Amino acid sequence: MKSKNRYAAIIERIFKARFKPGLTELEFEREEMVRIARQLRIALPKNLGDLIYSFRYRSVLPKSIQAEAARGKTWIIRPAGPAKYRFVLVPDIPLAPNPNLTETKVPDATPGIVAKYAFNDEQALLARLRYNRLIDIFSGVTCYSLQNHLRTTVPNMGQVETDEIYVGLDKKGIHYVFPLQAKGGTDKLNVVQIEQDFGVCAQKFPSLVCRPIGAQFIEEGVIVLFEFEQTNTGVRINCEKHYRLVPPEEVSEVDLQNYRQRAAD
């Protein structure tokens, strides 16, 4: 079986064994994936976490699972502690770029040698964010990269990972923490990661203002940035901006006039 098909077969069997009409949460343990794989005679990957990662960030859950969600709802997988996970029924609000938003041109400050050898992946995206100070521009706060790929443990979640942590300071002296999730290639932003970032802020930076950020390539040279907030109904997009990195000479007087008009409005 291909990875996608075997992963689907395992996760579907786990869900079906627990689901009953009316339930909105179903908990399971990592060890169960091993047991089900043996029953189905499926070879598991060496990294068991890849199965869960796949359904969080690359693939949708099988149709047979989503068919058990009411209209306007969807099933997601949340961490529930060390080696534990939980299917949860939540409002279906994709964290996807809005194709109708205008772009802002930013003079590309990425060093030429970096641009020449960079891939269209998460690391390339993180590099462009840093060299072009896009987190500063987007947030309106002076920001500094504190740590890449922070791995830590959060109560009731287990081990979590954030692609990069920025800290910042504004003109009023307020300190901020910006946990950043970056997505290159075909990976997509997922509400579970943003929930985990809120958890990381509460655990590691309780005195700072937490402002989770999501970043995503949508085409060559165009980066989408999201800021999220936690509401009574879950994670929502608070702000979204699209930035196109261009050679400095491509930022015209007409562009600058349009940006001044935005500020006036």
C-alpha atoms as a PDB file:
ATOM      1  CA  MET A   1       0.000   0.000   0.000  1.00  0.00           C
ATOM      2  CA  LYS A   2       1.137   3.545  -0.662  1.00  0.00           C
ATOM      3  CA  SER A   3       1.808   5.646   2.441  1.00  0.00           C
ATOM      4  CA  LYS A   4      -1.326   7.744   1.931  1.00  0.00           C
ATOM      5  CA  ASN A   5      -3.541   4.659   1.612  1.00  0.00           C
ATOM      6  CA  ARG A   6      -2.048   2.757   4.552  1.00  0.00           C
ATOM      7  CA  TYR A   7      -2.217   5.806   6.781  1.00  0.00           C
ATOM      8  CA  ALA A   8      -5.869   6.268   5.837  1.00  0.00           C
ATOM      9  CA  ALA A   9      -6.665   2.625   6.546  1.00  0.00           C
ATOM     10  CA  ILE A  10      -5.133   2.819  10.037  1.00  0.00           C
ATOM     11  CA  ILE A  11      -6.694   6.113  11.079  1.00  0.00           C
ATOM     12  CA  GLU A  12     -10.074   5.073   9.700  1.00  0.00           C
ATOM     13  CA  ARG A  13     -10.050   1.834  11.719  1.00  0.00           C
ATOM     14  CA  ILE A  14      -9.148   3.705  14.918  1.00  0.00           C
ATOM     15  CA  PHE A  15     -11.943   6.237  14.395  1.00  0.00           C
ATOM     16  CA  LYS A  16     -14.614   3.668  13.504  1.00  0.00           C
ATOM     17  CA  ALA A  17     -13.797   1.564  16.579  1.00  0.00           C
ATOM     18  CA  ARG A  18     -14.673   4.498  18.862  1.00  0.00           C
ATOM     19  CA  PHE A  19     -17.242   6.614  17.076  1.00  0.00           C
ATOM     20  CA  LYS A  20     -20.883   6.706  18.119  1.00  0.00           C
ATOM     21  CA  PRO A  21     -23.444   9.253  16.886  1.00  0.00           C
ATOM     22  CA  GLY A  22     -23.413  12.348  19.077  1.00  0.00           C
ATOM     23  CA  LEU A  23     -19.788  12.078  20.183  1.00  0.00           C
ATOM     24  CA  THR A  24     -17.569  15.096  19.534  1.00  0.00           C
ATOM     25  CA  GLU A  25     -14.295  13.794  21.013  1.00  0.00           C
ATOM     26  CA  LEU A  26     -12.571  10.420  20.637  1.00  0.00           C
ATOM     27  CA  GLU A  27      -9.248   9.699  22.354  1.00  0.00           C
ATOM     28  CA  PHE A  28      -6.650   7.123  21.298  1.00  0.00           C
ATOM     29  CA  GLU A  29      -3.025   6.253  22.010  1.00  0.00           C
ATOM     30  CA  ARG A  30      -0.045   5.960  19.705  1.00  0.00           C
ATOM     31  CA  GLU A  31       0.379   2.276  20.548  1.00  0.00           C
ATOM     32  CA  GLU A  32      -2.999   1.580  18.959  1.00  0.00           C
ATOM     33  CA  MET A  33      -1.584   2.522  15.552  1.00  0.00           C
ATOM     34  CA  VAL A  34       0.910  -0.311  15.920  1.00  0.00           C
ATOM     35  CA  ARG A  35      -1.791  -2.819  16.892  1.00  0.00           C
ATOM     36  CA  ILE A  36      -4.072  -1.825  14.004  1.00  0.00           C
ATOM     37  CA  ALA A  37      -1.198  -1.954  11.520  1.00  0.00           C
ATOM     38  CA  ARG A  38      -0.454  -5.524  12.593  1.00  0.00           C
ATOM     39  CA  GLN A  39      -4.096  -6.500  12.212  1.00  0.00           C
ATOM     40  CA  LEU A  40      -4.195  -5.006   8.712  1.00  0.00           C
ATOM     41  CA  ARG A  41      -0.716  -6.338   7.864  1.00  0.00           C
ATOM     42  CA  ILE A  42       0.487  -2.832   7.073  1.00  0.00           C
ATOM     43  CA  ALA A  43       4.121  -1.785   7.412  1.00  0.00           C
ATOM     44  CA  LEU A  44       4.360   1.308   9.599  1.00  0.00           C
ATOM     45  CA  PRO A  45       6.957   4.046   9.065  1.00  0.00           C
ATOM     46  CA  LYS A  46       9.885   4.156  11.491  1.00  0.00           C
ATOM     47  CA  ASN A  47       8.570   7.527  12.675  1.00  0.00           C
ATOM     48  CA  LEU A  48       5.049   6.821  13.899  1.00  0.00           C
ATOM     49  CA  GLY A  49       4.419  10.526  14.282  1.00  0.00           C
ATOM     50  CA  ASP A  50       4.456  10.905  10.492  1.00  0.00           C
ATOM     51  CA  LEU A  51       1.034   9.281  10.320  1.00  0.00           C
ATOM     52  CA  ILE A  52      -0.512  11.941  12.568  1.00  0.00           C
ATOM     53  CA  TYR A  53       1.550  14.718  10.953  1.00  0.00           C
ATOM     54  CA  SER A  54       0.273  13.705   7.540  1.00  0.00           C
ATOM     55  CA  PHE A  55      -3.379  14.196   8.488  1.00  0.00           C
ATOM     56  CA  ARG A  56      -2.705  17.457  10.282  1.00  0.00           C
ATOM     57  CA  TYR A  57      -0.727  19.260   7.622  1.00  0.00           C
ATOM     58  CA  ARG A  58      -0.666  17.449   4.278  1.00  0.00           C
ATOM     59  CA  SER A  59      -3.747  15.292   3.773  1.00  0.00           C
ATOM     60  CA  VAL A  60      -7.411  15.437   4.716  1.00  0.00           C
ATOM     61  CA  LEU A  61      -8.911  12.746   6.901  1.00  0.00           C
ATOM     62  CA  PRO A  62     -10.678   9.938   5.000  1.00  0.00           C
ATOM     63  CA  LYS A  63     -14.138  10.727   3.618  1.00  0.00           C
ATOM     64  CA  SER A  64     -15.647   8.040   5.843  1.00  0.00           C
ATOM     65  CA  ILE A  65     -14.523  10.047   8.890  1.00  0.00           C
ATOM     66  CA  GLN A  66     -15.563  13.460   7.601  1.00  0.00           C
ATOM     67  CA  ALA A  67     -18.951  11.987   6.670  1.00  0.00           C
ATOM     68  CA  GLU A  68     -19.634  11.747  10.417  1.00  0.00           C
ATOM     69  CA  ALA A  69     -19.312  15.522  10.802  1.00  0.00           C
ATOM     70  CA  ALA A  70     -22.394  17.747  10.724  1.00  0.00           C
ATOM     71  CA  ARG A  71     -22.625  20.474   8.112  1.00  0.00           C
ATOM     72  CA  GLY A  72     -20.168  23.269   8.848  1.00  0.00           C
ATOM     73  CA  LYS A  73     -18.079  20.991  11.088  1.00  0.00           C
ATOM     74  CA  THR A  74     -14.937  18.962  10.554  1.00  0.00           C
ATOM     75  CA  TRP A  75     -12.844  16.424  12.458  1.00  0.00           C
ATOM     76  CA  ILE A  76      -9.283  17.283  13.463  1.00  0.00           C
ATOM     77  CA  ILE A  77      -6.637  15.457  15.501  1.00  0.00           C
ATOM     78  CA  ARG A  78      -5.304  17.219  18.603  1.00  0.00           C
ATOM     79  CA  PRO A  79      -2.528  16.087  20.952  1.00  0.00           C
ATOM     80  CA  ALA A  80      -3.894  14.838  24.264  1.00  0.00           C
ATOM     81  CA  GLY A  81      -0.705  14.239  26.237  1.00  0.00           C
ATOM     82  CA  PRO A  82       2.405  12.067  25.811  1.00  0.00           C
ATOM     83  CA  ALA A  83       1.731   9.493  23.050  1.00  0.00           C
ATOM     84  CA  LYS A  84      -1.981  10.344  23.135  1.00  0.00           C
ATOM     85  CA  TYR A  85      -4.251  11.962  20.559  1.00  0.00           C
ATOM     86  CA  ARG A  86      -7.854  13.038  20.276  1.00  0.00           C
ATOM     87  CA  PHE A  87     -10.289  13.326  17.368  1.00  0.00           C
ATOM     88  CA  VAL A  88     -12.272  16.541  17.954  1.00  0.00           C
ATOM     89  CA  LEU A  89     -15.251  17.925  16.034  1.00  0.00           C
ATOM     90  CA  VAL A  90     -14.754  21.662  15.383  1.00  0.00           C
ATOM     91  CA  PRO A  91     -16.162  24.411  13.109  1.00  0.00           C
ATOM     92  CA  ASP A  92     -14.840  23.985   9.570  1.00  0.00           C
ATOM     93  CA  ILE A  93     -12.855  27.187   9.034  1.00  0.00           C
ATOM     94  CA  PRO A  94      -9.821  26.572   6.801  1.00  0.00           C
ATOM     95  CA  LEU A  95      -6.732  28.680   7.478  1.00  0.00           C
ATOM     96  CA  ALA A  96      -6.234  29.425   3.796  1.00  0.00           C
ATOM     97  CA  PRO A  97      -5.113  32.570   1.946  1.00  0.00           C
ATOM     98  CA  ASN A  98      -7.831  34.909   0.681  1.00  0.00           C
ATOM     99  CA  PRO A  99      -7.290  35.200  -3.108  1.00  0.00           C
ATOM    100  CA  ASN A 100      -9.087  38.568  -3.180  1.00  0.00           C
ATOM    101  CA  LEU A 101      -6.611  40.457  -0.966  1.00  0.00           C
ATOM    102  CA  THR A 102      -4.295  43.039  -2.502  1.00  0.00           C
ATOM    103  CA  GLU A 103      -0.523  42.608  -2.488  1.00  0.00           C
ATOM    104  CA  THR A 104       2.121  44.900  -1.037  1.00  0.00           C
ATOM    105  CA  LYS A 105       5.463  45.073  -2.839  1.00  0.00           C
ATOM    106  CA  VAL A 106       8.517  44.845  -0.590  1.00  0.00           C
ATOM    107  CA  PRO A 107      12.069  45.507  -1.888  1.00  0.00           C
ATOM    108  CA  ASP A 108      13.693  42.078  -1.684  1.00  0.00           C
ATOM    109  CA  ALA A 109      16.646  42.153   0.721  1.00  0.00           C
ATOM    110  CA  THR A 110      17.350  38.416   0.464  1.00  0.00           C
ATOM    111  CA  PRO A 111      21.089  37.953  -0.288  1.00  0.00           C
ATOM    112  CA  GLY A 112      21.554  36.827  -3.870  1.00  0.00           C
ATOM    113  CA  ILE A 113      23.484  33.700  -2.959  1.00  0.00           C
ATOM    114  CA  VAL A 114      20.688  32.637  -0.570  1.00  0.00           C
ATOM    115  CA  ALA A 115      18.009  33.249  -3.201  1.00  0.00           C
ATOM    116  CA  LYS A 116      20.020  31.279  -5.782  1.00  0.00           C
ATOM    117  CA  TYR A 117      20.212  28.104  -3.719  1.00  0.00           C
ATOM    118  CA  ALA A 118      17.030  28.290  -1.645  1.00  0.00           C
ATOM    119  CA  PHE A 119      14.291  25.703  -2.126  1.00  0.00           C
ATOM    120  CA  ASN A 120      10.560  26.320  -2.084  1.00  0.00           C
ATOM    121  CA  ASP A 121      10.278  24.947   1.414  1.00  0.00           C
ATOM    122  CA  GLU A 122       9.841  25.945   5.036  1.00  0.00           C
ATOM    123  CA  GLN A 123      13.513  26.854   5.554  1.00  0.00           C
ATOM    124  CA  ALA A 124      13.573  29.104   2.495  1.00  0.00           C
ATOM    125  CA  LEU A 125      10.444  30.833   3.725  1.00  0.00           C
ATOM    126  CA  LEU A 126      11.912  31.394   7.195  1.00  0.00           C
ATOM    127  CA  ALA A 127      15.069  32.861   5.633  1.00  0.00           C
ATOM    128  CA  ARG A 128      13.101  35.325   3.509  1.00  0.00           C
ATOM    129  CA  LEU A 129      11.040  36.398   6.489  1.00  0.00           C
ATOM    130  CA  ARG A 130      14.209  37.172   8.449  1.00  0.00           C
ATOM    131  CA  TYR A 131      16.191  38.952   5.721  1.00  0.00           C
ATOM    132  CA  ASN A 132      13.210  41.123   4.745  1.00  0.00           C
ATOM    133  CA  ARG A 133      12.037  41.798   8.322  1.00  0.00           C
ATOM    134  CA  LEU A 134       8.528  40.823   7.289  1.00  0.00           C
ATOM    135  CA  ILE A 135       7.477  39.945  10.842  1.00  0.00           C
ATOM    136  CA  ASP A 136       8.356  43.519  11.894  1.00  0.00           C
ATOM    137  CA  ILE A 137       6.500  44.990   8.907  1.00  0.00           C
ATOM    138  CA  PHE A 138       3.445  42.808   9.439  1.00  0.00           C
ATOM    139  CA  SER A 139       3.177  43.196  13.210  1.00  0.00           C
ATOM    140  CA  GLY A 140       4.274  46.832  13.525  1.00  0.00           C
ATOM    141  CA  VAL A 141       6.669  45.735  16.292  1.00  0.00           C
ATOM    142  CA  THR A 142      10.476  45.620  16.320  1.00  0.00           C
ATOM    143  CA  CYS A 143      11.149  41.873  16.348  1.00  0.00           C
ATOM    144  CA  TYR A 144      14.126  39.586  16.937  1.00  0.00           C
ATOM    145  CA  SER A 145      14.478  35.881  16.188  1.00  0.00           C
ATOM    146  CA  LEU A 146      14.913  34.105  19.519  1.00  0.00           C
ATOM    147  CA  GLN A 147      15.034  30.428  18.541  1.00  0.00           C
ATOM    148  CA  ASN A 148      14.429  28.113  15.600  1.00  0.00           C
ATOM    149  CA  HIS A 149      12.449  24.899  15.928  1.00  0.00           C
ATOM    150  CA  LEU A 150      11.551  25.152  19.567  1.00  0.00           C
ATOM    151  CA  ARG A 151      10.525  21.755  20.920  1.00  0.00           C
ATOM    152  CA  THR A 152       8.935  21.644  24.312  1.00  0.00           C
ATOM    153  CA  THR A 153       6.251  19.876  26.322  1.00  0.00           C
ATOM    154  CA  VAL A 154       2.927  21.534  27.080  1.00  0.00           C
ATOM    155  CA  PRO A 155       0.514  20.125  29.708  1.00  0.00           C
ATOM    156  CA  ASN A 156      -2.399  18.179  28.166  1.00  0.00           C
ATOM    157  CA  MET A 157      -0.735  18.423  24.749  1.00  0.00           C
ATOM    158  CA  GLY A 158       2.554  16.573  25.060  1.00  0.00           C
ATOM    159  CA  GLN A 159       5.529  17.464  22.885  1.00  0.00           C
ATOM    160  CA  VAL A 160       4.968  20.337  20.472  1.00  0.00           C
ATOM    161  CA  GLU A 161       7.200  22.172  17.998  1.00  0.00           C
ATOM    162  CA  THR A 162       7.203  25.740  16.719  1.00  0.00           C
ATOM    163  CA  ASP A 163       9.165  26.631  13.575  1.00  0.00           C
ATOM    164  CA  GLU A 164      10.556  29.863  15.002  1.00  0.00           C
ATOM    165  CA  ILE A 165      10.065  32.142  17.984  1.00  0.00           C
ATOM    166  CA  TYR A 166      10.350  35.913  17.660  1.00  0.00           C
ATOM    167  CA  VAL A 167      10.244  38.354  20.563  1.00  0.00           C
ATOM    168  CA  GLY A 168       9.449  42.017  20.093  1.00  0.00           C
ATOM    169  CA  LEU A 169       9.146  45.442  21.652  1.00  0.00           C
ATOM    170  CA  ASP A 170       6.858  48.331  20.709  1.00  0.00           C
ATOM    171  CA  LYS A 171       7.071  52.079  21.325  1.00  0.00           C
ATOM    172  CA  LYS A 172       5.126  51.733  24.573  1.00  0.00           C
ATOM    173  CA  GLY A 173       7.600  49.233  25.983  1.00  0.00           C
ATOM    174  CA  ILE A 174       5.231  46.248  25.674  1.00  0.00           C
ATOM    175  CA  HIS A 175       6.982  42.908  25.126  1.00  0.00           C
ATOM    176  CA  TYR A 176       5.558  40.408  22.651  1.00  0.00           C
ATOM    177  CA  VAL A 177       6.208  36.808  21.664  1.00  0.00           C
ATOM    178  CA  PHE A 178       5.471  35.678  18.117  1.00  0.00           C
ATOM    179  CA  PRO A 179       5.431  31.888  17.644  1.00  0.00           C
ATOM    180  CA  LEU A 180       5.737  31.308  13.912  1.00  0.00           C
ATOM    181  CA  GLN A 181       4.522  28.411  11.792  1.00  0.00           C
ATOM    182  CA  ALA A 182       5.872  28.403   8.221  1.00  0.00           C
ATOM    183  CA  LYS A 183       4.554  26.304   5.355  1.00  0.00           C
ATOM    184  CA  GLY A 184       6.326  25.711   2.084  1.00  0.00           C
ATOM    185  CA  GLY A 185       5.597  23.272  -0.715  1.00  0.00           C
ATOM    186  CA  THR A 186       2.191  21.608  -0.387  1.00  0.00           C
ATOM    187  CA  ASP A 187       1.942  21.745   3.425  1.00  0.00           C
ATOM    188  CA  LYS A 188      -0.927  23.770   4.873  1.00  0.00           C
ATOM    189  CA  LEU A 189      -1.474  25.717   8.055  1.00  0.00           C
ATOM    190  CA  ASN A 190      -3.514  23.829  10.592  1.00  0.00           C
ATOM    191  CA  VAL A 191      -5.570  25.000  13.555  1.00  0.00           C
ATOM    192  CA  VAL A 192      -3.913  22.412  15.828  1.00  0.00           C
ATOM    193  CA  GLN A 193      -0.489  24.011  15.375  1.00  0.00           C
ATOM    194  CA  ILE A 194      -1.869  27.436  16.258  1.00  0.00           C
ATOM    195  CA  GLU A 195      -3.565  26.025  19.368  1.00  0.00           C
ATOM    196  CA  GLN A 196      -0.215  24.521  20.349  1.00  0.00           C
ATOM    197  CA  ASP A 197       1.506  27.886  19.852  1.00  0.00           C
ATOM    198  CA  PHE A 198      -0.941  29.509  22.251  1.00  0.00           C
ATOM    199  CA  GLY A 199      -0.080  26.717  24.679  1.00  0.00           C
ATOM    200  CA  VAL A 200       3.662  27.330  24.256  1.00  0.00           C
ATOM    201  CA  CYS A 201       3.179  31.043  24.973  1.00  0.00           C
ATOM    202  CA  ALA A 202       1.183  30.342  28.125  1.00  0.00           C
ATOM    203  CA  GLN A 203       3.768  27.816  29.333  1.00  0.00           C
ATOM    204  CA  LYS A 204       7.063  29.493  28.399  1.00  0.00           C
ATOM    205  CA  PHE A 205       6.259  33.208  28.057  1.00  0.00           C
ATOM    206  CA  PRO A 206       3.340  33.952  30.407  1.00  0.00           C
ATOM    207  CA  SER A 207       4.270  37.635  30.889  1.00  0.00           C
ATOM    208  CA  LEU A 208       4.508  38.441  27.153  1.00  0.00           C
ATOM    209  CA  VAL A 209       1.669  39.286  24.761  1.00  0.00           C
ATOM    210  CA  CYS A 210       1.207  36.216  22.552  1.00  0.00           C
ATOM    211  CA  ARG A 211       0.598  36.849  18.840  1.00  0.00           C
ATOM    212  CA  PRO A 212       0.849  33.616  16.811  1.00  0.00           C
ATOM    213  CA  ILE A 213       1.865  34.081  13.174  1.00  0.00           C
ATOM    214  CA  GLY A 214       1.419  31.802  10.163  1.00  0.00           C
ATOM    215  CA  ALA A 215       3.448  32.161   6.954  1.00  0.00           C
ATOM    216  CA  GLN A 216       2.910  30.493   3.611  1.00  0.00           C
ATOM    217  CA  PHE A 217       4.217  30.704   0.058  1.00  0.00           C
ATOM    218  CA  ILE A 218       1.370  30.995  -2.455  1.00  0.00           C
ATOM    219  CA  GLU A 219       3.564  31.550  -5.531  1.00  0.00           C
ATOM    220  CA  GLU A 220       7.124  32.504  -6.379  1.00  0.00           C
ATOM    221  CA  GLY A 221       8.013  35.646  -4.454  1.00  0.00           C
ATOM    222  CA  VAL A 222       4.623  36.003  -2.735  1.00  0.00           C
ATOM    223  CA  ILE A 223       4.320  35.369   0.991  1.00  0.00           C
ATOM    224  CA  VAL A 224       1.088  35.361   2.978  1.00  0.00           C
ATOM    225  CA  LEU A 225       1.216  36.240   6.673  1.00  0.00           C
ATOM    226  CA  PHE A 226      -1.593  35.574   9.136  1.00  0.00           C
ATOM    227  CA  GLU A 227      -2.033  36.654  12.726  1.00  0.00           C
ATOM    228  CA  PHE A 228      -4.340  34.516  14.845  1.00  0.00           C
ATOM    229  CA  GLU A 229      -6.377  35.021  17.975  1.00  0.00           C
ATOM    230  CA  GLN A 230      -8.109  32.644  20.345  1.00  0.00           C
ATOM    231  CA  THR A 231     -11.865  33.237  20.560  1.00  0.00           C
ATOM    232  CA  ASN A 232     -14.756  31.537  22.356  1.00  0.00           C
ATOM    233  CA  THR A 233     -15.323  29.472  19.220  1.00  0.00           C
ATOM    234  CA  GLY A 234     -11.683  28.583  18.588  1.00  0.00           C
ATOM    235  CA  VAL A 235      -8.751  29.942  16.592  1.00  0.00           C
ATOM    236  CA  ARG A 236      -9.596  32.659  14.081  1.00  0.00           C
ATOM    237  CA  ILE A 237      -7.617  34.794  11.619  1.00  0.00           C
ATOM    238  CA  ASN A 238      -7.197  38.276  13.074  1.00  0.00           C
ATOM    239  CA  CYS A 239      -5.198  39.762  10.190  1.00  0.00           C
ATOM    240  CA  GLU A 240      -3.921  38.634   6.783  1.00  0.00           C
ATOM    241  CA  LYS A 241      -1.478  40.372   4.439  1.00  0.00           C
ATOM    242  CA  HIS A 242       0.124  39.387   1.132  1.00  0.00           C
ATOM    243  CA  TYR A 243       3.685  40.553   0.395  1.00  0.00           C
ATOM    244  CA  ARG A 244       5.435  40.291  -2.976  1.00  0.00           C
ATOM    245  CA  LEU A 245       9.229  40.432  -2.820  1.00  0.00           C
ATOM    246  CA  VAL A 246      10.542  42.400  -5.806  1.00  0.00           C
ATOM    247  CA  PRO A 247      13.748  44.143  -6.947  1.00  0.00           C
ATOM    248  CA  PRO A 248      13.791  47.694  -5.492  1.00  0.00           C
ATOM    249  CA  GLU A 249      13.301  49.316  -8.906  1.00  0.00           C
ATOM    250  CA  GLU A 250       9.958  47.550  -9.302  1.00  0.00           C
ATOM    251  CA  VAL A 251       8.413  49.550  -6.461  1.00  0.00           C
ATOM    252  CA  SER A 252       7.034  52.412  -8.561  1.00  0.00           C
ATOM    253  CA  GLU A 253       5.758  55.860  -7.656  1.00  0.00           C
ATOM    254  CA  VAL A 254       2.265  54.606  -8.424  1.00  0.00           C
ATOM    255  CA  ASP A 255       2.738  51.791  -5.898  1.00  0.00           C
ATOM    256  CA  LEU A 256       3.929  54.244  -3.247  1.00  0.00           C
ATOM    257  CA  GLN A 257       0.985  56.526  -3.923  1.00  0.00           C
ATOM    258  CA  ASN A 258      -1.417  53.615  -3.512  1.00  0.00           C
ATOM    259  CA  TYR A 259       0.216  52.640  -0.199  1.00  0.00           C
ATOM    260  CA  ARG A 260      -0.052  56.229   1.062  1.00  0.00           C
ATOM    261  CA  GLN A 261      -3.723  56.182   0.153  1.00  0.00           C
ATOM    262  CA  ARG A 262      -4.185  52.983   2.161  1.00  0.00           C
ATOM    263  CA  ALA A 263      -2.689  54.716   5.200  1.00  0.00           C
ATOM    264  CA  ALA A 264      -5.002  57.690   4.719  1.00  0.00           C
ATOM    265  CA  ASP A 265      -8.043  55.419   4.528  1.00  0.00           C
END
